[in-house]
Amino acid sequence: MAHSEQEILAGLAEIVNEETGLPADSVLPEKSFTDDLDIDSLSMMTIVTLAEEKFEVRIPDEEVANLATVQDAVSFIQGAQQA
């Protein structure tokens, strides 16, 4: 089942909160994972793995580097659901 952009954003916020302890409401589309949310590469891989499970999509390792902002991740997941 395809998730809406809002559902994906909320799900990612939950995942980031579980992994980093950051408040879910601080995970906004325009936020950069590294610059704004201070997420390191190890945490990012965990977040990607959890997002793959939650949204039943595949995020190839080479794509992870392109996911700079929360919106990038939301958009990628939305596109991957359609595939």
Protein backbone atom coordinates (compact mmCIF):
# COMPACT_ATOMS: atom_id res chain seq x y z
CA MET A 1 0.00 0.00 0.00
CA ALA A 2 1.37 3.41 -0.95
CA HIS A 3 1.82 5.87 1.88
CA SER A 4 1.05 9.57 1.53
CA GLU A 5 3.78 12.19 1.82
CA GLN A 6 2.46 13.09 5.29
CA GLU A 7 2.50 9.44 6.41
CA ILE A 8 6.07 9.02 5.17
CA LEU A 9 7.19 12.22 6.91
CA ALA A 10 5.53 11.14 10.17
CA GLY A 11 7.06 7.66 9.89
CA LEU A 12 10.53 9.06 9.24
CA ALA A 13 10.14 11.44 12.18
CA GLU A 14 9.29 8.45 14.41
CA ILE A 15 12.30 6.50 13.15
CA VAL A 16 14.67 9.47 13.64
CA ASN A 17 13.24 9.99 17.13
CA GLU A 18 13.81 6.32 18.05
CA GLU A 19 17.35 6.30 16.64
CA THR A 20 18.59 9.70 17.84
CA GLY A 21 16.24 10.88 20.57
CA LEU A 22 15.48 14.05 18.58
CA PRO A 23 11.89 15.25 19.01
CA ALA A 24 9.77 13.98 16.13
CA ASP A 25 8.40 17.49 15.52
CA SER A 26 11.94 18.70 14.71
CA VAL A 27 12.09 16.37 11.69
CA LEU A 28 10.81 18.74 9.01
CA PRO A 29 11.02 18.37 5.20
CA GLU A 30 13.60 21.16 4.77
CA LYS A 31 15.95 19.81 7.46
CA SER A 32 19.30 18.37 6.44
CA PHE A 33 20.05 15.02 8.08
CA THR A 34 23.69 15.92 8.72
CA ASP A 35 23.68 19.71 9.13
CA ASP A 36 20.39 20.33 10.95
CA LEU A 37 19.65 17.01 12.64
CA ASP A 38 23.30 16.06 13.28
CA ILE A 39 22.83 12.47 12.10
CA ASP A 40 26.08 10.61 11.38
CA SER A 41 26.55 8.02 8.65
CA LEU A 42 26.08 5.06 11.00
CA SER A 43 22.78 6.39 12.34
CA MET A 44 21.72 7.25 8.80
CA MET A 45 22.22 3.62 7.71
CA THR A 46 20.08 2.46 10.63
CA ILE A 47 17.39 5.01 9.74
CA VAL A 48 17.48 3.84 6.10
CA THR A 49 17.15 0.18 7.14
CA LEU A 50 14.22 0.95 9.44
CA ALA A 51 12.56 3.08 6.72
CA GLU A 52 12.96 0.21 4.22
CA GLU A 53 11.18 -2.12 6.63
CA LYS A 54 8.46 0.35 7.58
CA PHE A 55 7.60 1.46 4.04
CA GLU A 56 8.47 -1.82 2.27
CA VAL A 57 10.85 -0.18 -0.18
CA ARG A 58 14.48 -0.76 -1.17
CA ILE A 59 16.91 2.16 -0.78
CA PRO A 60 20.17 1.18 -2.50
CA ASP A 61 23.36 2.15 -0.64
CA GLU A 62 24.45 4.39 -3.52
CA GLU A 63 21.18 6.36 -3.19
CA VAL A 64 21.66 7.08 0.51
CA ALA A 65 24.29 9.75 -0.29
CA ASN A 66 21.63 11.61 -2.32
CA LEU A 67 19.27 11.79 0.64
CA ALA A 68 20.56 15.05 2.09
CA THR A 69 17.27 16.39 3.44
CA VAL A 70 14.21 14.85 5.00
CA GLN A 71 12.26 15.84 1.85
CA ASP A 72 14.80 13.96 -0.31
CA ALA A 73 14.07 10.81 1.70
CA VAL A 74 10.29 11.35 1.58
CA SER A 75 10.41 11.87 -2.20
CA PHE A 76 12.62 8.81 -2.73
CA ILE A 77 10.34 6.59 -0.66
CA GLN A 78 7.27 7.91 -2.49
CA GLY A 79 8.90 7.12 -5.84
CA ALA A 80 10.07 3.70 -4.69
CA GLN A 81 6.52 2.77 -3.64
CA GLN A 82 5.29 3.31 -7.19
CA ALA A 83 7.99 1.13 -8.70
